[in-house]
Amino acid sequence: PDEVIERLAAAGLTGVEVDHPDHAP
């Protein structure tokens, strides 16, 4: 969920894997 990504960003996450073969457009 978006809120988990937000929490990880606050903890120091540098990036997110956006383009992946299993991700829909």
PDBML (XML) file of the C-alpha atoms, coordinates in Angstrom:
<?xml version="1.0" encoding="UTF-8" ?>
<PDBx:datablock datablockName="MODEL"
   xmlns:PDBx="http://pdbml.pdb.org/schema/pdbx-v50.xsd"
   xmlns:xsi="http://www.w3.org/2001/XMLSchema-instance"
   xsi:schemaLocation="http://pdbml.pdb.org/schema/pdbx-v50.xsd pdbx-v50.xsd">
   <PDBx:atom_siteCategory>
      <PDBx:atom_site id="1">
         <PDBx:B_iso_or_equiv>0.00</PDBx:B_iso_or_equiv>
         <PDBx:Cartn_x>0.000</PDBx:Cartn_x>
         <PDBx:Cartn_y>0.000</PDBx:Cartn_y>
         <PDBx:Cartn_z>0.000</PDBx:Cartn_z>
         <PDBx:auth_asym_id>A</PDBx:auth_asym_id>
         <PDBx:auth_atom_id>CA</PDBx:auth_atom_id>
         <PDBx:auth_comp_id>PRO</PDBx:auth_comp_id>
         <PDBx:auth_seq_id>1</PDBx:auth_seq_id>
         <PDBx:group_PDB>ATOM</PDBx:group_PDB>
         <PDBx:label_alt_id xsi:nil="true" />
         <PDBx:label_asym_id>A</PDBx:label_asym_id>
         <PDBx:label_atom_id>CA</PDBx:label_atom_id>
         <PDBx:label_comp_id>PRO</PDBx:label_comp_id>
         <PDBx:label_entity_id>1</PDBx:label_entity_id>
         <PDBx:label_seq_id>1</PDBx:label_seq_id>
         <PDBx:occupancy>1.00</PDBx:occupancy>
         <PDBx:pdbx_PDB_model_num>1</PDBx:pdbx_PDB_model_num>
         <PDBx:type_symbol>C</PDBx:type_symbol>
      </PDBx:atom_site>
      <PDBx:atom_site id="2">
         <PDBx:B_iso_or_equiv>0.00</PDBx:B_iso_or_equiv>
         <PDBx:Cartn_x>0.964</PDBx:Cartn_x>
         <PDBx:Cartn_y>3.629</PDBx:Cartn_y>
         <PDBx:Cartn_z>-0.561</PDBx:Cartn_z>
         <PDBx:auth_asym_id>A</PDBx:auth_asym_id>
         <PDBx:auth_atom_id>CA</PDBx:auth_atom_id>
         <PDBx:auth_comp_id>ASP</PDBx:auth_comp_id>
         <PDBx:auth_seq_id>2</PDBx:auth_seq_id>
         <PDBx:group_PDB>ATOM</PDBx:group_PDB>
         <PDBx:label_alt_id xsi:nil="true" />
         <PDBx:label_asym_id>A</PDBx:label_asym_id>
         <PDBx:label_atom_id>CA</PDBx:label_atom_id>
         <PDBx:label_comp_id>ASP</PDBx:label_comp_id>
         <PDBx:label_entity_id>1</PDBx:label_entity_id>
         <PDBx:label_seq_id>2</PDBx:label_seq_id>
         <PDBx:occupancy>1.00</PDBx:occupancy>
         <PDBx:pdbx_PDB_model_num>1</PDBx:pdbx_PDB_model_num>
         <PDBx:type_symbol>C</PDBx:type_symbol>
      </PDBx:atom_site>
      <PDBx:atom_site id="3">
         <PDBx:B_iso_or_equiv>0.00</PDBx:B_iso_or_equiv>
         <PDBx:Cartn_x>0.964</PDBx:Cartn_x>
         <PDBx:Cartn_y>4.313</PDBx:Cartn_y>
         <PDBx:Cartn_z>3.174</PDBx:Cartn_z>
         <PDBx:auth_asym_id>A</PDBx:auth_asym_id>
         <PDBx:auth_atom_id>CA</PDBx:auth_atom_id>
         <PDBx:auth_comp_id>GLU</PDBx:auth_comp_id>
         <PDBx:auth_seq_id>3</PDBx:auth_seq_id>
         <PDBx:group_PDB>ATOM</PDBx:group_PDB>
         <PDBx:label_alt_id xsi:nil="true" />
         <PDBx:label_asym_id>A</PDBx:label_asym_id>
         <PDBx:label_atom_id>CA</PDBx:label_atom_id>
         <PDBx:label_comp_id>GLU</PDBx:label_comp_id>
         <PDBx:label_entity_id>1</PDBx:label_entity_id>
         <PDBx:label_seq_id>3</PDBx:label_seq_id>
         <PDBx:occupancy>1.00</PDBx:occupancy>
         <PDBx:pdbx_PDB_model_num>1</PDBx:pdbx_PDB_model_num>
         <PDBx:type_symbol>C</PDBx:type_symbol>
      </PDBx:atom_site>
      <PDBx:atom_site id="4">
         <PDBx:B_iso_or_equiv>0.00</PDBx:B_iso_or_equiv>
         <PDBx:Cartn_x>3.580</PDBx:Cartn_x>
         <PDBx:Cartn_y>1.606</PDBx:Cartn_y>
         <PDBx:Cartn_z>3.737</PDBx:Cartn_z>
         <PDBx:auth_asym_id>A</PDBx:auth_asym_id>
         <PDBx:auth_atom_id>CA</PDBx:auth_atom_id>
         <PDBx:auth_comp_id>VAL</PDBx:auth_comp_id>
         <PDBx:auth_seq_id>4</PDBx:auth_seq_id>
         <PDBx:group_PDB>ATOM</PDBx:group_PDB>
         <PDBx:label_alt_id xsi:nil="true" />
         <PDBx:label_asym_id>A</PDBx:label_asym_id>
         <PDBx:label_atom_id>CA</PDBx:label_atom_id>
         <PDBx:label_comp_id>VAL</PDBx:label_comp_id>
         <PDBx:label_entity_id>1</PDBx:label_entity_id>
         <PDBx:label_seq_id>4</PDBx:label_seq_id>
         <PDBx:occupancy>1.00</PDBx:occupancy>
         <PDBx:pdbx_PDB_model_num>1</PDBx:pdbx_PDB_model_num>
         <PDBx:type_symbol>C</PDBx:type_symbol>
      </PDBx:atom_site>
      <PDBx:atom_site id="5">
         <PDBx:B_iso_or_equiv>0.00</PDBx:B_iso_or_equiv>
         <PDBx:Cartn_x>5.791</PDBx:Cartn_x>
         <PDBx:Cartn_y>3.127</PDBx:Cartn_y>
         <PDBx:Cartn_z>1.036</PDBx:Cartn_z>
         <PDBx:auth_asym_id>A</PDBx:auth_asym_id>
         <PDBx:auth_atom_id>CA</PDBx:auth_atom_id>
         <PDBx:auth_comp_id>ILE</PDBx:auth_comp_id>
         <PDBx:auth_seq_id>5</PDBx:auth_seq_id>
         <PDBx:group_PDB>ATOM</PDBx:group_PDB>
         <PDBx:label_alt_id xsi:nil="true" />
         <PDBx:label_asym_id>A</PDBx:label_asym_id>
         <PDBx:label_atom_id>CA</PDBx:label_atom_id>
         <PDBx:label_comp_id>ILE</PDBx:label_comp_id>
         <PDBx:label_entity_id>1</PDBx:label_entity_id>
         <PDBx:label_seq_id>5</PDBx:label_seq_id>
         <PDBx:occupancy>1.00</PDBx:occupancy>
         <PDBx:pdbx_PDB_model_num>1</PDBx:pdbx_PDB_model_num>
         <PDBx:type_symbol>C</PDBx:type_symbol>
      </PDBx:atom_site>
      <PDBx:atom_site id="6">
         <PDBx:B_iso_or_equiv>0.00</PDBx:B_iso_or_equiv>
         <PDBx:Cartn_x>5.369</PDBx:Cartn_x>
         <PDBx:Cartn_y>6.501</PDBx:Cartn_y>
         <PDBx:Cartn_z>2.728</PDBx:Cartn_z>
         <PDBx:auth_asym_id>A</PDBx:auth_asym_id>
         <PDBx:auth_atom_id>CA</PDBx:auth_atom_id>
         <PDBx:auth_comp_id>GLU</PDBx:auth_comp_id>
         <PDBx:auth_seq_id>6</PDBx:auth_seq_id>
         <PDBx:group_PDB>ATOM</PDBx:group_PDB>
         <PDBx:label_alt_id xsi:nil="true" />
         <PDBx:label_asym_id>A</PDBx:label_asym_id>
         <PDBx:label_atom_id>CA</PDBx:label_atom_id>
         <PDBx:label_comp_id>GLU</PDBx:label_comp_id>
         <PDBx:label_entity_id>1</PDBx:label_entity_id>
         <PDBx:label_seq_id>6</PDBx:label_seq_id>
         <PDBx:occupancy>1.00</PDBx:occupancy>
         <PDBx:pdbx_PDB_model_num>1</PDBx:pdbx_PDB_model_num>
         <PDBx:type_symbol>C</PDBx:type_symbol>
      </PDBx:atom_site>
      <PDBx:atom_site id="7">
         <PDBx:B_iso_or_equiv>0.00</PDBx:B_iso_or_equiv>
         <PDBx:Cartn_x>6.458</PDBx:Cartn_x>
         <PDBx:Cartn_y>4.992</PDBx:Cartn_y>
         <PDBx:Cartn_z>6.048</PDBx:Cartn_z>
         <PDBx:auth_asym_id>A</PDBx:auth_asym_id>
         <PDBx:auth_atom_id>CA</PDBx:auth_atom_id>
         <PDBx:auth_comp_id>ARG</PDBx:auth_comp_id>
         <PDBx:auth_seq_id>7</PDBx:auth_seq_id>
         <PDBx:group_PDB>ATOM</PDBx:group_PDB>
         <PDBx:label_alt_id xsi:nil="true" />
         <PDBx:label_asym_id>A</PDBx:label_asym_id>
         <PDBx:label_atom_id>CA</PDBx:label_atom_id>
         <PDBx:label_comp_id>ARG</PDBx:label_comp_id>
         <PDBx:label_entity_id>1</PDBx:label_entity_id>
         <PDBx:label_seq_id>7</PDBx:label_seq_id>
         <PDBx:occupancy>1.00</PDBx:occupancy>
         <PDBx:pdbx_PDB_model_num>1</PDBx:pdbx_PDB_model_num>
         <PDBx:type_symbol>C</PDBx:type_symbol>
      </PDBx:atom_site>
      <PDBx:atom_site id="8">
         <PDBx:B_iso_or_equiv>0.00</PDBx:B_iso_or_equiv>
         <PDBx:Cartn_x>9.499</PDBx:Cartn_x>
         <PDBx:Cartn_y>3.406</PDBx:Cartn_y>
         <PDBx:Cartn_z>4.427</PDBx:Cartn_z>
         <PDBx:auth_asym_id>A</PDBx:auth_asym_id>
         <PDBx:auth_atom_id>CA</PDBx:auth_atom_id>
         <PDBx:auth_comp_id>LEU</PDBx:auth_comp_id>
         <PDBx:auth_seq_id>8</PDBx:auth_seq_id>
         <PDBx:group_PDB>ATOM</PDBx:group_PDB>
         <PDBx:label_alt_id xsi:nil="true" />
         <PDBx:label_asym_id>A</PDBx:label_asym_id>
         <PDBx:label_atom_id>CA</PDBx:label_atom_id>
         <PDBx:label_comp_id>LEU</PDBx:label_comp_id>
         <PDBx:label_entity_id>1</PDBx:label_entity_id>
         <PDBx:label_seq_id>8</PDBx:label_seq_id>
         <PDBx:occupancy>1.00</PDBx:occupancy>
         <PDBx:pdbx_PDB_model_num>1</PDBx:pdbx_PDB_model_num>
         <PDBx:type_symbol>C</PDBx:type_symbol>
      </PDBx:atom_site>
      <PDBx:atom_site id="9">
         <PDBx:B_iso_or_equiv>0.00</PDBx:B_iso_or_equiv>
         <PDBx:Cartn_x>10.411</PDBx:Cartn_x>
         <PDBx:Cartn_y>6.718</PDBx:Cartn_y>
         <PDBx:Cartn_z>2.788</PDBx:Cartn_z>
         <PDBx:auth_asym_id>A</PDBx:auth_asym_id>
         <PDBx:auth_atom_id>CA</PDBx:auth_atom_id>
         <PDBx:auth_comp_id>ALA</PDBx:auth_comp_id>
         <PDBx:auth_seq_id>9</PDBx:auth_seq_id>
         <PDBx:group_PDB>ATOM</PDBx:group_PDB>
         <PDBx:label_alt_id xsi:nil="true" />
         <PDBx:label_asym_id>A</PDBx:label_asym_id>
         <PDBx:label_atom_id>CA</PDBx:label_atom_id>
         <PDBx:label_comp_id>ALA</PDBx:label_comp_id>
         <PDBx:label_entity_id>1</PDBx:label_entity_id>
         <PDBx:label_seq_id>9</PDBx:label_seq_id>
         <PDBx:occupancy>1.00</PDBx:occupancy>
         <PDBx:pdbx_PDB_model_num>1</PDBx:pdbx_PDB_model_num>
         <PDBx:type_symbol>C</PDBx:type_symbol>
      </PDBx:atom_site>
      <PDBx:atom_site id="10">
         <PDBx:B_iso_or_equiv>0.00</PDBx:B_iso_or_equiv>
         <PDBx:Cartn_x>10.314</PDBx:Cartn_x>
         <PDBx:Cartn_y>8.397</PDBx:Cartn_y>
         <PDBx:Cartn_z>6.197</PDBx:Cartn_z>
         <PDBx:auth_asym_id>A</PDBx:auth_asym_id>
         <PDBx:auth_atom_id>CA</PDBx:auth_atom_id>
         <PDBx:auth_comp_id>ALA</PDBx:auth_comp_id>
         <PDBx:auth_seq_id>10</PDBx:auth_seq_id>
         <PDBx:group_PDB>ATOM</PDBx:group_PDB>
         <PDBx:label_alt_id xsi:nil="true" />
         <PDBx:label_asym_id>A</PDBx:label_asym_id>
         <PDBx:label_atom_id>CA</PDBx:label_atom_id>
         <PDBx:label_comp_id>ALA</PDBx:label_comp_id>
         <PDBx:label_entity_id>1</PDBx:label_entity_id>
         <PDBx:label_seq_id>10</PDBx:label_seq_id>
         <PDBx:occupancy>1.00</PDBx:occupancy>
         <PDBx:pdbx_PDB_model_num>1</PDBx:pdbx_PDB_model_num>
         <PDBx:type_symbol>C</PDBx:type_symbol>
      </PDBx:atom_site>
      <PDBx:atom_site id="11">
         <PDBx:B_iso_or_equiv>0.00</PDBx:B_iso_or_equiv>
         <PDBx:Cartn_x>12.631</PDBx:Cartn_x>
         <PDBx:Cartn_y>5.660</PDBx:Cartn_y>
         <PDBx:Cartn_z>7.523</PDBx:Cartn_z>
         <PDBx:auth_asym_id>A</PDBx:auth_asym_id>
         <PDBx:auth_atom_id>CA</PDBx:auth_atom_id>
         <PDBx:auth_comp_id>ALA</PDBx:auth_comp_id>
         <PDBx:auth_seq_id>11</PDBx:auth_seq_id>
         <PDBx:group_PDB>ATOM</PDBx:group_PDB>
         <PDBx:label_alt_id xsi:nil="true" />
         <PDBx:label_asym_id>A</PDBx:label_asym_id>
         <PDBx:label_atom_id>CA</PDBx:label_atom_id>
         <PDBx:label_comp_id>ALA</PDBx:label_comp_id>
         <PDBx:label_entity_id>1</PDBx:label_entity_id>
         <PDBx:label_seq_id>11</PDBx:label_seq_id>
         <PDBx:occupancy>1.00</PDBx:occupancy>
         <PDBx:pdbx_PDB_model_num>1</PDBx:pdbx_PDB_model_num>
         <PDBx:type_symbol>C</PDBx:type_symbol>
      </PDBx:atom_site>
      <PDBx:atom_site id="12">
         <PDBx:B_iso_or_equiv>0.00</PDBx:B_iso_or_equiv>
         <PDBx:Cartn_x>15.277</PDBx:Cartn_x>
         <PDBx:Cartn_y>6.317</PDBx:Cartn_y>
         <PDBx:Cartn_z>4.863</PDBx:Cartn_z>
         <PDBx:auth_asym_id>A</PDBx:auth_asym_id>
         <PDBx:auth_atom_id>CA</PDBx:auth_atom_id>
         <PDBx:auth_comp_id>GLY</PDBx:auth_comp_id>
         <PDBx:auth_seq_id>12</PDBx:auth_seq_id>
         <PDBx:group_PDB>ATOM</PDBx:group_PDB>
         <PDBx:label_alt_id xsi:nil="true" />
         <PDBx:label_asym_id>A</PDBx:label_asym_id>
         <PDBx:label_atom_id>CA</PDBx:label_atom_id>
         <PDBx:label_comp_id>GLY</PDBx:label_comp_id>
         <PDBx:label_entity_id>1</PDBx:label_entity_id>
         <PDBx:label_seq_id>12</PDBx:label_seq_id>
         <PDBx:occupancy>1.00</PDBx:occupancy>
         <PDBx:pdbx_PDB_model_num>1</PDBx:pdbx_PDB_model_num>
         <PDBx:type_symbol>C</PDBx:type_symbol>
      </PDBx:atom_site>
      <PDBx:atom_site id="13">
         <PDBx:B_iso_or_equiv>0.00</PDBx:B_iso_or_equiv>
         <PDBx:Cartn_x>14.174</PDBx:Cartn_x>
         <PDBx:Cartn_y>4.408</PDBx:Cartn_y>
         <PDBx:Cartn_z>1.765</PDBx:Cartn_z>
         <PDBx:auth_asym_id>A</PDBx:auth_asym_id>
         <PDBx:auth_atom_id>CA</PDBx:auth_atom_id>
         <PDBx:auth_comp_id>LEU</PDBx:auth_comp_id>
         <PDBx:auth_seq_id>13</PDBx:auth_seq_id>
         <PDBx:group_PDB>ATOM</PDBx:group_PDB>
         <PDBx:label_alt_id xsi:nil="true" />
         <PDBx:label_asym_id>A</PDBx:label_asym_id>
         <PDBx:label_atom_id>CA</PDBx:label_atom_id>
         <PDBx:label_comp_id>LEU</PDBx:label_comp_id>
         <PDBx:label_entity_id>1</PDBx:label_entity_id>
         <PDBx:label_seq_id>13</PDBx:label_seq_id>
         <PDBx:occupancy>1.00</PDBx:occupancy>
         <PDBx:pdbx_PDB_model_num>1</PDBx:pdbx_PDB_model_num>
         <PDBx:type_symbol>C</PDBx:type_symbol>
      </PDBx:atom_site>
      <PDBx:atom_site id="14">
         <PDBx:B_iso_or_equiv>0.00</PDBx:B_iso_or_equiv>
         <PDBx:Cartn_x>16.130</PDBx:Cartn_x>
         <PDBx:Cartn_y>5.640</PDBx:Cartn_y>
         <PDBx:Cartn_z>-1.264</PDBx:Cartn_z>
         <PDBx:auth_asym_id>A</PDBx:auth_asym_id>
         <PDBx:auth_atom_id>CA</PDBx:auth_atom_id>
         <PDBx:auth_comp_id>THR</PDBx:auth_comp_id>
         <PDBx:auth_seq_id>14</PDBx:auth_seq_id>
         <PDBx:group_PDB>ATOM</PDBx:group_PDB>
         <PDBx:label_alt_id xsi:nil="true" />
         <PDBx:label_asym_id>A</PDBx:label_asym_id>
         <PDBx:label_atom_id>CA</PDBx:label_atom_id>
         <PDBx:label_comp_id>THR</PDBx:label_comp_id>
         <PDBx:label_entity_id>1</PDBx:label_entity_id>
         <PDBx:label_seq_id>14</PDBx:label_seq_id>
         <PDBx:occupancy>1.00</PDBx:occupancy>
         <PDBx:pdbx_PDB_model_num>1</PDBx:pdbx_PDB_model_num>
         <PDBx:type_symbol>C</PDBx:type_symbol>
      </PDBx:atom_site>
      <PDBx:atom_site id="15">
         <PDBx:B_iso_or_equiv>0.00</PDBx:B_iso_or_equiv>
         <PDBx:Cartn_x>13.997</PDBx:Cartn_x>
         <PDBx:Cartn_y>4.378</PDBx:Cartn_y>
         <PDBx:Cartn_z>-4.115</PDBx:Cartn_z>
         <PDBx:auth_asym_id>A</PDBx:auth_asym_id>
         <PDBx:auth_atom_id>CA</PDBx:auth_atom_id>
         <PDBx:auth_comp_id>GLY</PDBx:auth_comp_id>
         <PDBx:auth_seq_id>15</PDBx:auth_seq_id>
         <PDBx:group_PDB>ATOM</PDBx:group_PDB>
         <PDBx:label_alt_id xsi:nil="true" />
         <PDBx:label_asym_id>A</PDBx:label_asym_id>
         <PDBx:label_atom_id>CA</PDBx:label_atom_id>
         <PDBx:label_comp_id>GLY</PDBx:label_comp_id>
         <PDBx:label_entity_id>1</PDBx:label_entity_id>
         <PDBx:label_seq_id>15</PDBx:label_seq_id>
         <PDBx:occupancy>1.00</PDBx:occupancy>
         <PDBx:pdbx_PDB_model_num>1</PDBx:pdbx_PDB_model_num>
         <PDBx:type_symbol>C</PDBx:type_symbol>
      </PDBx:atom_site>
      <PDBx:atom_site id="16">
         <PDBx:B_iso_or_equiv>0.00</PDBx:B_iso_or_equiv>
         <PDBx:Cartn_x>11.211</PDBx:Cartn_x>
         <PDBx:Cartn_y>2.201</PDBx:Cartn_y>
         <PDBx:Cartn_z>-5.471</PDBx:Cartn_z>
         <PDBx:auth_asym_id>A</PDBx:auth_asym_id>
         <PDBx:auth_atom_id>CA</PDBx:auth_atom_id>
         <PDBx:auth_comp_id>VAL</PDBx:auth_comp_id>
         <PDBx:auth_seq_id>16</PDBx:auth_seq_id>
         <PDBx:group_PDB>ATOM</PDBx:group_PDB>
         <PDBx:label_alt_id xsi:nil="true" />
         <PDBx:label_asym_id>A</PDBx:label_asym_id>
         <PDBx:label_atom_id>CA</PDBx:label_atom_id>
         <PDBx:label_comp_id>VAL</PDBx:label_comp_id>
         <PDBx:label_entity_id>1</PDBx:label_entity_id>
         <PDBx:label_seq_id>16</PDBx:label_seq_id>
         <PDBx:occupancy>1.00</PDBx:occupancy>
         <PDBx:pdbx_PDB_model_num>1</PDBx:pdbx_PDB_model_num>
         <PDBx:type_symbol>C</PDBx:type_symbol>
      </PDBx:atom_site>
      <PDBx:atom_site id="17">
         <PDBx:B_iso_or_equiv>0.00</PDBx:B_iso_or_equiv>
         <PDBx:Cartn_x>11.302</PDBx:Cartn_x>
         <PDBx:Cartn_y>-0.343</PDBx:Cartn_y>
         <PDBx:Cartn_z>-8.295</PDBx:Cartn_z>
         <PDBx:auth_asym_id>A</PDBx:auth_asym_id>
         <PDBx:auth_atom_id>CA</PDBx:auth_atom_id>
         <PDBx:auth_comp_id>GLU</PDBx:auth_comp_id>
         <PDBx:auth_seq_id>17</PDBx:auth_seq_id>
         <PDBx:group_PDB>ATOM</PDBx:group_PDB>
         <PDBx:label_alt_id xsi:nil="true" />
         <PDBx:label_asym_id>A</PDBx:label_asym_id>
         <PDBx:label_atom_id>CA</PDBx:label_atom_id>
         <PDBx:label_comp_id>GLU</PDBx:label_comp_id>
         <PDBx:label_entity_id>1</PDBx:label_entity_id>
         <PDBx:label_seq_id>17</PDBx:label_seq_id>
         <PDBx:occupancy>1.00</PDBx:occupancy>
         <PDBx:pdbx_PDB_model_num>1</PDBx:pdbx_PDB_model_num>
         <PDBx:type_symbol>C</PDBx:type_symbol>
      </PDBx:atom_site>
      <PDBx:atom_site id="18">
         <PDBx:B_iso_or_equiv>0.00</PDBx:B_iso_or_equiv>
         <PDBx:Cartn_x>8.766</PDBx:Cartn_x>
         <PDBx:Cartn_y>1.105</PDBx:Cartn_y>
         <PDBx:Cartn_z>-10.726</PDBx:Cartn_z>
         <PDBx:auth_asym_id>A</PDBx:auth_asym_id>
         <PDBx:auth_atom_id>CA</PDBx:auth_atom_id>
         <PDBx:auth_comp_id>VAL</PDBx:auth_comp_id>
         <PDBx:auth_seq_id>18</PDBx:auth_seq_id>
         <PDBx:group_PDB>ATOM</PDBx:group_PDB>
         <PDBx:label_alt_id xsi:nil="true" />
         <PDBx:label_asym_id>A</PDBx:label_asym_id>
         <PDBx:label_atom_id>CA</PDBx:label_atom_id>
         <PDBx:label_comp_id>VAL</PDBx:label_comp_id>
         <PDBx:label_entity_id>1</PDBx:label_entity_id>
         <PDBx:label_seq_id>18</PDBx:label_seq_id>
         <PDBx:occupancy>1.00</PDBx:occupancy>
         <PDBx:pdbx_PDB_model_num>1</PDBx:pdbx_PDB_model_num>
         <PDBx:type_symbol>C</PDBx:type_symbol>
      </PDBx:atom_site>
      <PDBx:atom_site id="19">
         <PDBx:B_iso_or_equiv>0.00</PDBx:B_iso_or_equiv>
         <PDBx:Cartn_x>9.547</PDBx:Cartn_x>
         <PDBx:Cartn_y>-0.689</PDBx:Cartn_y>
         <PDBx:Cartn_z>-13.984</PDBx:Cartn_z>
         <PDBx:auth_asym_id>A</PDBx:auth_asym_id>
         <PDBx:auth_atom_id>CA</PDBx:auth_atom_id>
         <PDBx:auth_comp_id>ASP</PDBx:auth_comp_id>
         <PDBx:auth_seq_id>19</PDBx:auth_seq_id>
         <PDBx:group_PDB>ATOM</PDBx:group_PDB>
         <PDBx:label_alt_id xsi:nil="true" />
         <PDBx:label_asym_id>A</PDBx:label_asym_id>
         <PDBx:label_atom_id>CA</PDBx:label_atom_id>
         <PDBx:label_comp_id>ASP</PDBx:label_comp_id>
         <PDBx:label_entity_id>1</PDBx:label_entity_id>
         <PDBx:label_seq_id>19</PDBx:label_seq_id>
         <PDBx:occupancy>1.00</PDBx:occupancy>
         <PDBx:pdbx_PDB_model_num>1</PDBx:pdbx_PDB_model_num>
         <PDBx:type_symbol>C</PDBx:type_symbol>
      </PDBx:atom_site>
      <PDBx:atom_site id="20">
         <PDBx:B_iso_or_equiv>0.00</PDBx:B_iso_or_equiv>
         <PDBx:Cartn_x>9.357</PDBx:Cartn_x>
         <PDBx:Cartn_y>-4.441</PDBx:Cartn_y>
         <PDBx:Cartn_z>-13.421</PDBx:Cartn_z>
         <PDBx:auth_asym_id>A</PDBx:auth_asym_id>
         <PDBx:auth_atom_id>CA</PDBx:auth_atom_id>
         <PDBx:auth_comp_id>HIS</PDBx:auth_comp_id>
         <PDBx:auth_seq_id>20</PDBx:auth_seq_id>
         <PDBx:group_PDB>ATOM</PDBx:group_PDB>
         <PDBx:label_alt_id xsi:nil="true" />
         <PDBx:label_asym_id>A</PDBx:label_asym_id>
         <PDBx:label_atom_id>CA</PDBx:label_atom_id>
         <PDBx:label_comp_id>HIS</PDBx:label_comp_id>
         <PDBx:label_entity_id>1</PDBx:label_entity_id>
         <PDBx:label_seq_id>20</PDBx:label_seq_id>
         <PDBx:occupancy>1.00</PDBx:occupancy>
         <PDBx:pdbx_PDB_model_num>1</PDBx:pdbx_PDB_model_num>
         <PDBx:type_symbol>C</PDBx:type_symbol>
      </PDBx:atom_site>
      <PDBx:atom_site id="21">
         <PDBx:B_iso_or_equiv>0.00</PDBx:B_iso_or_equiv>
         <PDBx:Cartn_x>8.106</PDBx:Cartn_x>
         <PDBx:Cartn_y>-7.203</PDBx:Cartn_y>
         <PDBx:Cartn_z>-15.753</PDBx:Cartn_z>
         <PDBx:auth_asym_id>A</PDBx:auth_asym_id>
         <PDBx:auth_atom_id>CA</PDBx:auth_atom_id>
         <PDBx:auth_comp_id>PRO</PDBx:auth_comp_id>
         <PDBx:auth_seq_id>21</PDBx:auth_seq_id>
         <PDBx:group_PDB>ATOM</PDBx:group_PDB>
         <PDBx:label_alt_id xsi:nil="true" />
         <PDBx:label_asym_id>A</PDBx:label_asym_id>
         <PDBx:label_atom_id>CA</PDBx:label_atom_id>
         <PDBx:label_comp_id>PRO</PDBx:label_comp_id>
         <PDBx:label_entity_id>1</PDBx:label_entity_id>
         <PDBx:label_seq_id>21</PDBx:label_seq_id>
         <PDBx:occupancy>1.00</PDBx:occupancy>
         <PDBx:pdbx_PDB_model_num>1</PDBx:pdbx_PDB_model_num>
         <PDBx:type_symbol>C</PDBx:type_symbol>
      </PDBx:atom_site>
      <PDBx:atom_site id="22">
         <PDBx:B_iso_or_equiv>0.00</PDBx:B_iso_or_equiv>
         <PDBx:Cartn_x>5.265</PDBx:Cartn_x>
         <PDBx:Cartn_y>-8.011</PDBx:Cartn_y>
         <PDBx:Cartn_z>-13.339</PDBx:Cartn_z>
         <PDBx:auth_asym_id>A</PDBx:auth_asym_id>
         <PDBx:auth_atom_id>CA</PDBx:auth_atom_id>
         <PDBx:auth_comp_id>ASP</PDBx:auth_comp_id>
         <PDBx:auth_seq_id>22</PDBx:auth_seq_id>
         <PDBx:group_PDB>ATOM</PDBx:group_PDB>
         <PDBx:label_alt_id xsi:nil="true" />
         <PDBx:label_asym_id>A</PDBx:label_asym_id>
         <PDBx:label_atom_id>CA</PDBx:label_atom_id>
         <PDBx:label_comp_id>ASP</PDBx:label_comp_id>
         <PDBx:label_entity_id>1</PDBx:label_entity_id>
         <PDBx:label_seq_id>22</PDBx:label_seq_id>
         <PDBx:occupancy>1.00</PDBx:occupancy>
         <PDBx:pdbx_PDB_model_num>1</PDBx:pdbx_PDB_model_num>
         <PDBx:type_symbol>C</PDBx:type_symbol>
      </PDBx:atom_site>
      <PDBx:atom_site id="23">
         <PDBx:B_iso_or_equiv>0.00</PDBx:B_iso_or_equiv>
         <PDBx:Cartn_x>4.001</PDBx:Cartn_x>
         <PDBx:Cartn_y>-4.412</PDBx:Cartn_y>
         <PDBx:Cartn_z>-13.066</PDBx:Cartn_z>
         <PDBx:auth_asym_id>A</PDBx:auth_asym_id>
         <PDBx:auth_atom_id>CA</PDBx:auth_atom_id>
         <PDBx:auth_comp_id>HIS</PDBx:auth_comp_id>
         <PDBx:auth_seq_id>23</PDBx:auth_seq_id>
         <PDBx:group_PDB>ATOM</PDBx:group_PDB>
         <PDBx:label_alt_id xsi:nil="true" />
         <PDBx:label_asym_id>A</PDBx:label_asym_id>
         <PDBx:label_atom_id>CA</PDBx:label_atom_id>
         <PDBx:label_comp_id>HIS</PDBx:label_comp_id>
         <PDBx:label_entity_id>1</PDBx:label_entity_id>
         <PDBx:label_seq_id>23</PDBx:label_seq_id>
         <PDBx:occupancy>1.00</PDBx:occupancy>
         <PDBx:pdbx_PDB_model_num>1</PDBx:pdbx_PDB_model_num>
         <PDBx:type_symbol>C</PDBx:type_symbol>
      </PDBx:atom_site>
      <PDBx:atom_site id="24">
         <PDBx:B_iso_or_equiv>0.00</PDBx:B_iso_or_equiv>
         <PDBx:Cartn_x>1.012</PDBx:Cartn_x>
         <PDBx:Cartn_y>-3.360</PDBx:Cartn_y>
         <PDBx:Cartn_z>-15.151</PDBx:Cartn_z>
         <PDBx:auth_asym_id>A</PDBx:auth_asym_id>
         <PDBx:auth_atom_id>CA</PDBx:auth_atom_id>
         <PDBx:auth_comp_id>ALA</PDBx:auth_comp_id>
         <PDBx:auth_seq_id>24</PDBx:auth_seq_id>
         <PDBx:group_PDB>ATOM</PDBx:group_PDB>
         <PDBx:label_alt_id xsi:nil="true" />
         <PDBx:label_asym_id>A</PDBx:label_asym_id>
         <PDBx:label_atom_id>CA</PDBx:label_atom_id>
         <PDBx:label_comp_id>ALA</PDBx:label_comp_id>
         <PDBx:label_entity_id>1</PDBx:label_entity_id>
         <PDBx:label_seq_id>24</PDBx:label_seq_id>
         <PDBx:occupancy>1.00</PDBx:occupancy>
         <PDBx:pdbx_PDB_model_num>1</PDBx:pdbx_PDB_model_num>
         <PDBx:type_symbol>C</PDBx:type_symbol>
      </PDBx:atom_site>
      <PDBx:atom_site id="25">
         <PDBx:B_iso_or_equiv>0.00</PDBx:B_iso_or_equiv>
         <PDBx:Cartn_x>1.182</PDBx:Cartn_x>
         <PDBx:Cartn_y>0.009</PDBx:Cartn_y>
         <PDBx:Cartn_z>-16.958</PDBx:Cartn_z>
         <PDBx:auth_asym_id>A</PDBx:auth_asym_id>
         <PDBx:auth_atom_id>CA</PDBx:auth_atom_id>
         <PDBx:auth_comp_id>PRO</PDBx:auth_comp_id>
         <PDBx:auth_seq_id>25</PDBx:auth_seq_id>
         <PDBx:group_PDB>ATOM</PDBx:group_PDB>
         <PDBx:label_alt_id xsi:nil="true" />
         <PDBx:label_asym_id>A</PDBx:label_asym_id>
         <PDBx:label_atom_id>CA</PDBx:label_atom_id>
         <PDBx:label_comp_id>PRO</PDBx:label_comp_id>
         <PDBx:label_entity_id>1</PDBx:label_entity_id>
         <PDBx:label_seq_id>25</PDBx:label_seq_id>
         <PDBx:occupancy>1.00</PDBx:occupancy>
         <PDBx:pdbx_PDB_model_num>1</PDBx:pdbx_PDB_model_num>
         <PDBx:type_symbol>C</PDBx:type_symbol>
      </PDBx:atom_site>
   </PDBx:atom_siteCategory>
</PDBx:datablock>
